[in-house]
Protein backbone atom coordinates (compact mmCIF):
# COMPACT_ATOMS: atom_id res chain seq x y z
CA UNK A 1 -16.57 -8.26 5.84
CA UNK A 2 -16.03 -4.87 7.43
CA UNK A 3 -16.02 -1.75 5.37
CA UNK A 4 -12.48 -0.35 5.66
CA UNK A 5 -11.63 2.57 3.41
CA UNK A 6 -8.07 2.44 2.07
CA UNK A 7 -6.94 5.93 3.09
CA UNK A 8 -3.34 6.91 3.74
CA UNK A 9 -3.95 8.41 7.21
CA UNK A 10 -4.17 4.82 8.44
CA UNK A 11 -0.43 4.36 7.87
CA UNK A 12 0.47 7.07 10.38
CA UNK A 13 -2.27 5.92 12.76
CA UNK A 14 -0.74 2.43 12.69
CA UNK A 15 2.78 3.75 13.30
CA UNK A 16 1.65 5.97 16.16
CA UNK A 17 -0.09 3.08 17.93
CA UNK A 18 2.41 0.28 17.38
CA UNK A 19 5.75 2.04 16.76
CA UNK A 20 5.14 5.31 18.54
CA UNK A 21 8.71 5.86 19.76
CA UNK A 22 10.39 4.87 16.50
CA UNK A 23 12.22 7.92 15.20
CA UNK A 24 11.89 10.25 12.25
CA UNK A 25 15.21 12.07 11.90
CA UNK A 26 15.64 15.31 9.95
CA UNK A 27 19.17 16.32 8.99
CA UNK A 28 20.89 19.45 7.75
CA UNK A 29 24.22 19.04 5.93
CA UNK A 30 24.53 15.49 7.23
CA UNK A 31 23.83 16.22 10.90
CA UNK A 32 20.62 15.54 12.79
CA UNK A 33 18.66 18.70 13.65
CA UNK A 34 15.28 17.20 14.64
CA UNK A 35 14.07 13.92 16.08
CA UNK A 36 10.50 12.91 16.75
CA UNK A 37 8.60 9.68 17.28
CA UNK A 38 5.71 8.52 15.12
CA UNK A 39 3.18 9.10 17.91
CA UNK A 40 4.26 12.71 18.41
CA UNK A 41 4.40 13.32 14.67
CA UNK A 42 0.87 11.96 14.31
CA UNK A 43 -0.35 14.37 16.98
CA UNK A 44 1.33 17.36 15.32
CA UNK A 45 0.05 16.40 11.86
CA UNK A 46 -3.49 16.06 13.13
CA UNK A 47 -3.35 19.45 14.87
CA UNK A 48 -2.04 20.92 11.62
CA UNK A 49 -5.12 19.56 9.86
CA UNK A 50 -7.21 21.63 12.24
CA UNK A 51 -5.07 24.69 11.53
CA UNK A 52 -5.56 24.27 7.77
CA UNK A 53 -9.30 24.12 8.34
CA UNK A 54 -9.07 27.34 10.34
CA UNK A 55 -7.50 29.00 7.28
CA UNK A 56 -10.69 28.23 5.40
CA UNK A 57 -9.62 25.14 3.48
CA UNK A 58 -12.31 22.59 2.82
CA UNK A 59 -12.55 19.06 1.45
CA UNK A 60 -10.80 18.68 -1.93
CA UNK A 61 -8.81 21.95 -1.80
CA UNK A 62 -5.18 21.80 -2.89
CA UNK A 63 -2.27 22.61 -0.59
CA UNK A 64 1.00 23.23 -2.43
CA UNK A 65 4.33 22.30 -0.84
CA UNK A 66 7.69 23.70 -1.91
CA UNK A 67 10.05 21.90 0.41
CA UNK A 68 12.76 19.32 1.00
CA UNK A 69 12.73 15.99 2.84
CA UNK A 70 12.04 17.13 6.40
CA UNK A 71 9.79 16.45 9.38
CA UNK A 72 7.68 19.53 8.62
CA UNK A 73 7.10 18.40 5.04
CA UNK A 74 6.07 14.93 6.26
CA UNK A 75 3.66 16.55 8.73
CA UNK A 76 2.12 18.54 5.90
CA UNK A 77 1.72 15.38 3.80
CA UNK A 78 -0.46 13.74 6.43
CA UNK A 79 -2.17 16.92 7.64
CA UNK A 80 -3.48 17.60 4.15
CA UNK A 81 -4.28 14.05 3.05
CA UNK A 82 -5.77 12.95 6.36
CA UNK A 83 -8.27 15.84 6.21
CA UNK A 84 -9.35 15.13 2.63
CA UNK A 85 -7.22 17.88 1.11
CA UNK A 86 -4.83 17.33 -1.81
CA UNK A 87 -1.10 17.64 -1.15
CA UNK A 88 0.42 19.19 -4.29
CA UNK A 89 4.18 18.68 -4.12
CA UNK A 90 6.29 21.14 -6.16
CA UNK A 91 9.90 20.93 -7.30
CA UNK A 92 12.01 23.76 -5.82
CA UNK A 93 14.54 23.41 -8.64
CA UNK A 94 12.11 24.70 -11.26
CA UNK A 95 11.82 28.33 -12.29
CA UNK A 96 9.23 30.62 -10.72
CA UNK A 97 7.37 30.77 -14.05
CA UNK A 98 7.11 26.98 -14.31
CA UNK A 99 6.03 26.65 -10.69
CA UNK A 100 3.42 29.38 -11.08
CA UNK A 101 1.89 27.60 -14.07
CA UNK A 102 1.46 24.46 -11.95
CA UNK A 103 0.15 26.31 -8.89
CA UNK A 104 -2.36 28.25 -10.96
CA UNK A 105 -3.56 25.18 -12.86
CA UNK A 106 -3.97 23.30 -9.58
CA UNK A 107 -5.71 26.31 -8.01
CA UNK A 108 -3.64 25.97 -4.82
CA UNK A 109 -5.00 28.24 -2.09
CA UNK A 110 -2.21 27.59 0.39
CA UNK A 111 1.51 27.15 -0.27
CA UNK A 112 3.82 25.62 2.36
CA UNK A 113 7.43 26.67 1.70
CA UNK A 114 10.77 25.77 3.29
CA UNK A 115 12.26 28.85 4.96
CA UNK A 116 15.44 28.60 2.93
CA UNK A 117 13.35 28.95 -0.24
CA UNK A 118 11.97 32.40 0.57
CA UNK A 119 14.01 34.06 -2.25
CA UNK A 120 12.19 31.80 -4.72
CA UNK A 121 8.91 32.51 -2.95
CA UNK A 122 9.40 36.27 -3.43
CA UNK A 123 9.61 35.73 -7.20
CA UNK A 124 6.84 33.17 -7.28
CA UNK A 125 4.04 34.64 -5.17
CA UNK A 126 3.25 37.66 -7.43
CA UNK A 127 2.64 35.20 -10.28
CA UNK A 128 0.04 33.28 -8.24
CA UNK A 129 -2.93 35.55 -7.48
CA UNK A 130 -5.00 32.69 -6.10
CA UNK A 131 -2.68 32.08 -3.15
CA UNK A 132 -4.35 33.15 0.09
CA UNK A 133 -1.89 31.86 2.68
CA UNK A 134 1.82 30.95 2.80
CA UNK A 135 3.13 28.63 5.52
CA UNK A 136 6.86 28.78 6.27
CA UNK A 137 8.25 25.35 7.15
CA UNK A 138 11.42 24.14 8.91
CA UNK A 139 12.19 27.49 10.52
CA UNK A 140 12.41 28.91 14.03
CA UNK A 141 8.85 30.19 14.13
CA UNK A 142 9.60 33.73 12.96
CA UNK A 143 8.51 35.16 9.62
CA UNK A 144 10.92 37.39 7.66
CA UNK A 145 9.74 41.02 7.41
CA UNK A 146 10.67 41.68 3.80
CA UNK A 147 8.67 39.15 1.80
CA UNK A 148 6.16 41.76 0.65
CA UNK A 149 3.49 39.17 -0.14
CA UNK A 150 -0.23 39.80 -0.50
CA UNK A 151 -0.93 36.34 0.90
CA UNK A 152 -0.97 35.99 4.70
CA UNK A 153 2.33 34.49 5.91
CA UNK A 154 2.34 31.97 8.76
CA UNK A 155 5.36 30.25 10.30
CA UNK A 156 4.25 26.65 10.71
CA UNK A 157 4.95 26.58 14.45
CA UNK A 158 3.05 29.84 14.98
CA UNK A 159 0.13 28.50 12.95
CA UNK A 160 0.03 25.37 15.11
CA UNK A 161 0.15 27.43 18.30
CA UNK A 162 -2.65 29.73 17.14
CA UNK A 163 -5.04 27.35 15.39
CA UNK A 164 -3.90 23.77 15.90
CA UNK A 165 -6.87 21.60 16.78
CA UNK A 166 -7.57 17.87 16.65
CA UNK A 167 -9.82 16.70 13.82
CA UNK A 168 -11.17 13.35 12.69
CA UNK A 169 -9.07 11.90 9.87
CA UNK A 170 -10.50 9.80 7.08
CA UNK A 171 -14.17 9.05 6.94
CA UNK A 172 -14.32 9.70 3.20
CA UNK A 173 -14.31 7.53 0.09
CA UNK A 174 -10.98 5.86 -0.71
CA UNK A 175 -11.19 7.19 -4.28
CA UNK A 176 -10.79 10.73 -2.89
CA UNK A 177 -7.76 12.54 -4.40
CA UNK A 178 -4.80 12.62 -2.00
CA UNK A 179 -1.81 13.98 -3.91
CA UNK A 180 -0.88 15.86 -7.06
CA UNK A 181 2.51 15.72 -8.77
CA UNK A 182 3.63 16.98 -12.15
CA UNK A 183 5.86 14.92 -14.41
CA UNK A 184 9.51 15.93 -14.54
CA UNK A 185 9.28 17.48 -18.00
CA UNK A 186 12.59 16.02 -19.23
CA UNK A 187 10.96 14.82 -22.45
CA UNK A 188 8.03 17.21 -22.80
CA UNK A 189 5.64 19.63 -21.07
CA UNK A 190 4.98 18.66 -17.43
CA UNK A 191 1.55 17.16 -16.83
CA UNK A 192 -0.30 16.69 -13.56
CA UNK A 193 -0.88 13.23 -12.08
CA UNK A 194 -3.59 13.06 -9.43
CA UNK A 195 -3.19 10.22 -6.91
CA UNK A 196 -6.07 8.85 -4.88
CA UNK A 197 -5.98 7.44 -1.36
CA UNK A 198 -6.76 4.01 -2.78
CA UNK A 199 -3.98 4.16 -5.36
CA UNK A 200 -1.43 5.28 -2.75
CA UNK A 201 -2.57 2.63 -0.28
CA UNK A 202 -2.35 -0.22 -2.78
CA UNK A 203 0.94 1.11 -4.12
CA UNK A 204 2.32 0.92 -0.57
CA UNK A 205 1.24 -2.70 -0.22
CA UNK A 206 2.93 -3.43 -3.56
CA UNK A 207 6.14 -1.76 -2.38
CA UNK A 208 6.18 -3.76 0.84
CA UNK A 209 6.05 -7.15 -0.87
CA UNK A 210 9.00 -9.41 -0.03
CA UNK A 211 10.37 -9.26 -3.60
CA UNK A 212 9.97 -5.50 -3.68
CA UNK A 213 11.25 -2.78 -1.31
CA UNK A 214 10.40 -5.13 1.58
CA UNK A 215 10.86 -2.76 4.51
CA UNK A 216 10.63 -4.11 8.05
CA UNK A 217 10.22 -2.47 11.43
CA UNK A 218 13.90 -3.10 12.19
CA UNK A 219 15.10 -1.13 9.16
CA UNK A 220 16.50 2.39 9.19
CA UNK A 221 15.49 3.93 5.87
CA UNK A 222 17.26 6.87 4.23
CA UNK A 223 14.97 8.67 1.78
CA UNK A 224 17.37 10.44 -0.58
CA UNK A 225 14.54 10.59 -3.12
CA UNK A 226 12.88 14.01 -3.12
CA UNK A 227 9.48 13.99 -1.43
CA UNK A 228 8.36 16.55 -3.98
CA UNK A 229 8.52 13.96 -6.77
CA UNK A 230 6.06 11.06 -7.14
CA UNK A 231 5.36 10.67 -3.40
CA UNK A 232 9.06 10.22 -2.68
CA UNK A 233 8.71 6.78 -4.33
CA UNK A 234 5.93 6.09 -1.81
CA UNK A 235 8.46 5.78 1.03
CA UNK A 236 6.74 8.37 3.30
CA UNK A 237 3.85 5.88 3.37
CA UNK A 238 5.86 2.64 3.46
CA UNK A 239 8.05 3.62 6.43
CA UNK A 240 5.24 4.31 8.92
CA UNK A 241 3.30 1.31 7.57
CA UNK A 242 6.07 -0.92 8.94
CA UNK A 243 7.37 1.30 11.73
CA UNK A 244 10.79 1.65 10.12
CA UNK A 245 13.10 4.38 11.36
CA UNK A 246 12.94 7.20 8.81
CA UNK A 247 15.91 9.44 7.98
CA UNK A 248 15.19 12.61 6.00
CA UNK A 249 18.32 14.42 4.71
CA UNK A 250 16.83 17.86 4.07
CA UNK A 251 18.18 19.65 1.03
CA UNK A 252 21.73 18.26 1.29
CA UNK A 253 22.18 15.04 -0.68
CA UNK A 254 25.85 15.47 -1.54
CA UNK A 255 28.14 12.50 -0.94
CA UNK A 256 29.82 13.88 2.18
CA UNK A 257 26.54 14.75 3.92
CA UNK A 258 24.87 11.44 3.13
CA UNK A 259 27.88 9.32 4.09
CA UNK A 260 28.04 10.91 7.56
CA UNK A 261 24.29 10.66 8.04
CA UNK A 262 24.11 7.02 6.93
CA UNK A 263 26.93 6.06 9.30
CA UNK A 264 25.64 8.01 12.31
CA UNK A 265 22.02 6.85 11.98
CA UNK A 266 22.78 3.20 11.18
CA UNK A 267 21.01 3.26 7.82
CA UNK A 268 20.18 -0.26 6.59
CA UNK A 269 18.20 0.63 3.44
CA UNK A 270 18.82 3.67 1.26
CA UNK A 271 16.90 4.85 -1.78
CA UNK A 272 17.94 7.37 -4.42
CA UNK A 273 19.02 7.94 -7.99
CA UNK A 274 22.43 6.89 -9.27
CA UNK A 275 23.91 10.39 -9.20
CA UNK A 276 23.40 10.43 -5.43
CA UNK A 277 25.33 7.19 -4.98
CA UNK A 278 28.11 8.35 -7.27
CA UNK A 279 28.62 11.22 -4.84
CA UNK A 280 28.71 8.88 -1.83
CA UNK A 281 31.18 6.53 -3.53
CA UNK A 282 33.47 9.34 -4.61
CA UNK A 283 33.45 10.78 -1.09
CA UNK A 284 34.29 7.44 0.54
CA UNK A 285 37.04 6.80 -2.00
CA UNK A 286 38.51 10.22 -1.26
CA UNK A 287 38.42 10.22 2.55
CA UNK A 288 37.92 6.56 3.47
CA UNK A 289 35.35 5.13 5.84
CA UNK A 290 32.70 2.44 5.79
CA UNK A 291 28.92 2.16 6.15
CA UNK A 292 28.76 -1.02 8.24
CA UNK A 293 24.98 -1.15 8.75
CA UNK A 294 24.01 -0.70 5.12
CA UNK A 295 22.36 -3.78 3.61
CA UNK A 296 20.51 -2.57 0.52
CA UNK A 297 20.61 0.35 -1.89
CA UNK A 298 17.59 0.94 -4.13
CA UNK A 299 18.30 2.77 -7.37
CA UNK A 300 15.76 4.32 -9.70
CA UNK A 301 15.34 7.29 -12.00
CA UNK A 302 17.36 6.01 -14.94
CA UNK A 303 19.23 2.89 -16.02
CA UNK A 304 22.40 2.22 -14.05
CA UNK A 305 25.60 1.01 -15.76
CA UNK A 306 26.97 -2.39 -14.72
CA UNK A 307 30.24 -0.77 -13.69
CA UNK A 308 28.49 1.46 -11.16
CA UNK A 309 26.46 -1.42 -9.73
CA UNK A 310 29.62 -3.51 -9.27
CA UNK A 311 31.45 -0.57 -7.75
CA UNK A 312 28.62 0.10 -5.29
CA UNK A 313 28.33 -3.51 -4.19
CA UNK A 314 32.09 -3.89 -3.75
CA UNK A 315 32.70 -0.57 -1.99
CA UNK A 316 29.57 -0.44 0.17
CA UNK A 317 29.18 -4.14 0.89
CA UNK A 318 25.46 -3.77 0.20
CA UNK A 319 23.10 -5.33 -2.29
CA UNK A 320 21.90 -3.05 -5.09
CA UNK A 321 18.27 -3.28 -6.18
CA UNK A 322 17.62 -1.63 -9.52
CA UNK A 323 14.13 -0.41 -10.28
CA UNK A 324 12.08 1.39 -12.89
CA UNK A 325 9.05 3.60 -12.48
CA UNK A 326 7.24 6.75 -13.54
CA UNK A 327 5.26 9.55 -11.94
CA UNK A 328 2.22 8.07 -13.70
CA UNK A 329 2.73 4.75 -11.87
CA UNK A 330 2.75 6.26 -8.35
CA UNK A 331 5.73 5.60 -9.19
CA UNK A 332 6.94 2.00 -8.81
CA UNK A 333 6.86 -0.20 -11.89
CA UNK A 334 9.45 -2.96 -11.50
CA UNK A 335 12.19 -3.78 -9.02
CA UNK A 336 14.87 -6.43 -8.73
CA UNK A 337 14.40 -8.53 -5.57
CA UNK A 338 17.18 -8.34 -2.98
CA UNK A 339 18.16 -11.94 -3.71
CA UNK A 340 17.87 -11.66 -7.51
CA UNK A 341 20.63 -13.17 -9.65
CA UNK A 342 23.10 -10.68 -11.16
CA UNK A 343 21.42 -10.84 -14.58
CA UNK A 344 18.18 -9.58 -13.08
CA UNK A 345 19.87 -6.94 -10.93
CA UNK A 346 21.43 -5.54 -14.09
CA UNK A 347 17.93 -5.23 -15.51
CA UNK A 348 15.15 -3.31 -13.76
CA UNK A 349 13.50 -6.27 -12.08
CA UNK A 350 10.00 -7.66 -12.28
CA UNK A 351 6.60 -6.09 -11.56
CA UNK A 352 5.23 -6.84 -8.08
CA UNK A 353 1.66 -8.09 -7.83
CA UNK A 354 -0.70 -5.29 -8.83
CA UNK A 355 0.99 -4.20 -12.05
CA UNK A 356 0.90 -5.80 -15.50
CA UNK A 357 3.17 -5.13 -18.48
CA UNK A 358 2.86 -5.69 -22.19
CA UNK A 359 4.93 -4.89 -25.29
CA UNK A 360 3.42 -3.53 -28.50
CA UNK A 361 4.64 -2.39 -31.88
CA UNK A 362 4.79 1.29 -32.85
CA UNK A 363 1.10 1.23 -33.83
CA UNK A 364 0.04 -0.14 -30.44
CA UNK A 365 -0.61 -3.72 -31.57
CA UNK A 366 0.33 -6.22 -28.86
CA UNK A 367 3.36 -8.28 -29.90
CA UNK A 368 2.63 -11.98 -30.28
CA UNK A 369 5.92 -12.78 -28.55
CA UNK A 370 6.49 -10.98 -25.26
CA UNK A 371 9.90 -12.40 -24.32
CA UNK A 372 13.29 -11.61 -25.82
CA UNK A 373 12.04 -8.84 -28.13
CA UNK A 374 12.09 -5.05 -27.94
CA UNK A 375 8.75 -3.28 -28.00
CA UNK A 376 6.85 -0.25 -26.77
CA UNK A 377 6.09 -0.73 -23.07
CA UNK A 378 2.55 -0.36 -21.75
CA UNK A 379 1.35 -0.90 -18.17
CA UNK A 380 -1.87 -1.51 -16.29
CA UNK A 381 -2.66 -1.60 -12.58
CA UNK A 382 -4.40 -0.17 -9.54
CA UNK A 383 -1.86 2.64 -9.13
CA UNK A 384 -1.49 3.60 -12.80
CA UNK A 385 -2.79 6.88 -14.19
CA UNK A 386 -6.14 6.87 -15.98
CA UNK A 387 -5.99 10.43 -17.32
CA UNK A 388 -3.84 13.48 -16.62
CA UNK A 389 -5.04 16.20 -14.28
CA UNK A 390 -7.76 18.31 -15.94
CA UNK A 391 -7.42 16.35 -19.21
CA UNK A 392 -10.66 15.75 -21.09
CA UNK A 393 -9.78 12.26 -22.35
CA UNK A 394 -8.08 9.29 -20.74
CA UNK A 395 -4.55 8.17 -21.57
CA UNK A 396 -5.25 4.45 -21.99
CA UNK A 397 -5.52 2.10 -24.94
CA UNK A 398 -8.59 -0.05 -25.64
CA UNK A 399 -7.41 -2.69 -23.18
CA UNK A 400 -6.84 -0.14 -20.42
CA UNK A 401 -3.03 0.01 -20.68
CA UNK A 402 -0.99 3.20 -20.32
CA UNK A 403 1.76 3.90 -22.87
CA UNK A 404 4.95 4.65 -20.92
CA UNK A 405 6.84 6.02 -23.93
CA UNK A 406 9.66 3.57 -23.18
CA UNK A 407 11.17 0.89 -25.36
CA UNK A 408 11.76 -2.27 -23.38
CA UNK A 409 12.42 -5.99 -23.44
CA UNK A 410 11.40 -8.74 -21.02
CA UNK A 411 13.64 -11.77 -20.57
CA UNK A 412 12.56 -15.36 -19.94
CA UNK A 413 12.60 -14.81 -16.16
CA UNK A 414 10.25 -11.83 -16.51
CA UNK A 415 12.88 -9.17 -15.78
CA UNK A 416 12.36 -5.86 -17.55
CA UNK A 417 15.13 -3.96 -19.32
CA UNK A 418 14.44 -0.39 -20.45
CA UNK A 419 16.02 0.07 -23.87
CA UNK A 420 15.45 3.80 -24.19
CA UNK A 421 12.75 6.40 -24.69
CA UNK A 422 10.89 6.17 -27.97
CA UNK A 423 11.10 9.98 -28.24
CA UNK A 424 14.90 9.80 -27.87
CA UNK A 425 15.39 7.58 -30.91
CA UNK A 426 17.53 9.18 -33.62
CA UNK A 427 16.49 8.70 -37.24
CA UNK A 428 19.56 8.77 -39.47
CA UNK A 429 19.27 8.01 -43.17
CA UNK A 430 15.79 6.60 -42.61
CA UNK A 431 17.00 4.10 -39.97
CA UNK A 432 16.73 4.26 -36.19
CA UNK A 433 19.62 4.65 -33.75
CA UNK A 434 18.92 3.86 -30.08
CA UNK A 435 20.90 6.23 -27.79
CA UNK A 436 20.40 3.99 -24.76
CA UNK A 437 22.54 1.23 -26.28
CA UNK A 438 25.39 3.65 -26.92
CA UNK A 439 25.04 5.17 -23.44
CA UNK A 440 25.15 1.74 -21.80
CA UNK A 441 28.45 0.84 -23.48
CA UNK A 442 30.19 4.19 -22.91
CA UNK A 443 28.98 4.24 -19.30
CA UNK A 444 31.25 1.26 -18.57
CA UNK A 445 34.38 3.36 -19.11
CA UNK A 446 36.01 3.98 -15.69
CA UNK A 447 36.62 7.69 -16.44
CA UNK A 448 32.99 8.37 -17.41
CA UNK A 449 30.60 9.54 -14.72
CA UNK A 450 27.50 10.36 -16.77
CA UNK A 451 26.76 9.92 -20.46
CA UNK A 452 24.03 11.00 -22.86
CA UNK A 453 23.47 10.76 -26.60
CA UNK A 454 21.31 13.31 -28.41
CA UNK A 455 20.45 13.80 -32.06
CA UNK A 456 21.60 16.81 -34.06
CA UNK A 457 20.29 18.02 -37.41
CA UNK A 458 22.24 16.81 -40.42
CA UNK A 459 21.48 18.04 -43.96
CA UNK A 460 22.37 14.70 -45.53
CA UNK A 461 21.22 12.11 -43.01
CA UNK A 462 18.44 13.97 -41.20
CA UNK A 463 19.94 13.36 -37.75
CA UNK A 464 23.28 12.21 -36.39
CA UNK A 465 24.19 11.17 -32.82
CA UNK A 466 26.24 13.42 -30.54
CA UNK A 467 27.96 11.77 -27.57
CA UNK A 468 28.13 13.91 -24.41
CA UNK A 469 30.00 12.81 -21.29
CA UNK A 470 30.70 14.11 -17.81
CA UNK A 471 33.95 12.72 -16.49
CA UNK A 472 34.29 11.05 -13.13
CA UNK A 473 36.03 13.31 -10.60
CA UNK A 474 37.63 15.42 -13.31
CA UNK A 475 39.41 12.58 -15.08
CA UNK A 476 40.39 13.07 -18.70
CA UNK A 477 38.16 11.32 -21.21
CA UNK A 478 39.69 10.35 -24.54
CA UNK A 479 37.15 10.59 -27.39
CA UNK A 480 38.82 8.07 -29.73
CA UNK A 481 39.01 5.58 -26.84
CA UNK A 482 35.26 5.86 -26.33
CA UNK A 483 34.67 5.19 -30.01
CA UNK A 484 36.95 2.16 -29.78
CA UNK A 485 34.68 0.81 -27.04
CA UNK A 486 31.74 1.11 -29.41
CA UNK A 487 33.33 -0.47 -32.48
CA UNK A 488 32.07 -3.99 -32.98
CA UNK A 489 29.38 -3.48 -30.33
CA UNK A 490 27.09 -1.34 -32.51
CA UNK A 491 26.70 -0.80 -36.25
CA UNK A 492 29.40 1.47 -37.71
CA UNK A 493 26.81 3.98 -38.90
CA UNK A 494 25.59 4.34 -35.30
CA UNK A 495 29.00 5.69 -34.22
CA UNK A 496 28.78 9.34 -33.10
CA UNK A 497 30.70 11.80 -35.24
CA UNK A 498 30.78 14.48 -32.52
CA UNK A 499 31.81 14.14 -28.88
CA UNK A 500 31.52 16.71 -26.11
CA UNK A 501 32.74 16.74 -22.53
CA UNK A 502 30.72 18.87 -20.13
CA UNK A 503 31.70 19.89 -16.64
CA UNK A 504 28.24 19.18 -15.22
CA UNK A 505 25.44 17.26 -16.88
CA UNK A 506 22.03 19.00 -16.54
CA UNK A 507 19.77 16.92 -14.33
CA UNK A 508 16.07 16.96 -13.60
CA UNK A 509 14.93 16.80 -9.98
CA UNK A 510 14.55 13.04 -10.30
CA UNK A 511 18.23 12.66 -11.16
CA UNK A 512 17.56 11.85 -14.79
CA UNK A 513 19.68 13.58 -17.38
CA UNK A 514 17.66 16.44 -18.84
CA UNK A 515 17.96 15.80 -22.56
CA UNK A 516 15.68 18.68 -23.43
CA UNK A 517 18.19 21.01 -21.79
CA UNK A 518 21.10 19.25 -23.48
CA UNK A 519 19.50 19.68 -26.89
CA UNK A 520 18.81 23.36 -26.19
CA UNK A 521 22.38 23.93 -24.98
CA UNK A 522 23.75 22.21 -28.07
CA UNK A 523 21.62 24.25 -30.48
CA UNK A 524 22.53 27.48 -28.66
CA UNK A 525 26.23 26.74 -28.89
CA UNK A 526 26.74 26.20 -25.18
CA UNK A 527 28.24 22.75 -25.69
CA UNK A 528 31.59 22.62 -27.43
CA UNK A 529 32.02 19.47 -29.49
CA UNK A 530 34.91 17.95 -31.37
CA UNK A 531 34.58 15.98 -34.54
CA UNK A 532 35.94 12.45 -34.48
CA UNK A 533 36.99 10.08 -37.21
CA UNK A 534 34.55 7.23 -37.27
């Protein structure tokens, strides 16, 4: 058979040839500001590869991106990867110090930054002495005068005009690194995950399976997942692979902006974390309106309460597909098929072909029974991390499985349910309390928008659970009523003895609740709690 390297540039090549006029739409505050076809985007991306070479970048160098979901960011994805460079996506919501640590560890020589992030850039650049060039994306082609950077600053359009040149894409081994992303850091220090062309390519094929994301060329896909995290769930590869219309919302993912954009662009499939869809639902409830073209909503990032799934399906008239994944998995792990029964939709679905799961005990011994029990979840597959970036040892067990750090169960149909993070477990009086079970029950209350349970120090018991809630649209939440929901559903000694209501729950860029921040805020007295009678 022919030798055919599995490199990601082939996705855009395919789209340019067979779906060249299909649109990529970039929006700002819910309104389209740029439109381009796949063929034209392929041309621009390829010319940008030549411009990066003119800046002195060579095979294997890292190009950092600090940007939102836009056409220019997508062009940089393919310009870097197609030329054998590594696209290092960075989270704009992190501090300059955290970003600098990642940029310096990655040894990025070039940083591509959204123009509206130049204030962050001014703080960041002095901390990154290795940066040689800064490319300003999404702007009008003019560079601000007051950045004061040592690195050479190039507006992306000016760089293309000056040095854009066609280059040959691909032609290298499929195991060549393509992307670098750091974990969200919600449960520990961020660590780098280095994706290869092969892993991204096979991950895309896994995502496109009929029981998975299952995009088609007739779909209009809204990517409300940040492209700076875990390849944007692989959707920047999956959309051109099928020729689907691609809608990129920019930095505005509030409910009002997304609702307008989804209606105007005829979105059929939308992907994002549950906090995004809460915003859309609240907006539609407040002002009215429908999304008549929407067929499916894909949720990931964290477990989604049944009440929210039911509310979404009833209000939007679309099928909800729950999913679970990790940065280390490229990121898809499991997903509920579009035609799955409700019991499976309420779980996190099954693994598509290419990923295997197993449950172990706390010591890593594989459980004899893999169905209907809770165990430590480990995974294995062609798009699963082997070792972290610049780590000296791999992160796998003797059978080649990666420990996700999650507690999970698998039902008789093979559907996975995440039962919590092993690091989040609370040890009270020598026994374990699982916050995820408490969160799942409290999350059903109609006045609760977001909920988290953290452990606090207790002199007698070691740790005790603290229940923290963010109300839905400012509704009052009654602490004793929440405890009444829990009584009879969990052991009495699991009941929280402190409850707090916060105005805004701290979130990581992925939409997950940042429990590290919650714990720090609690310890520092920034969260006011009230004692409750258990």
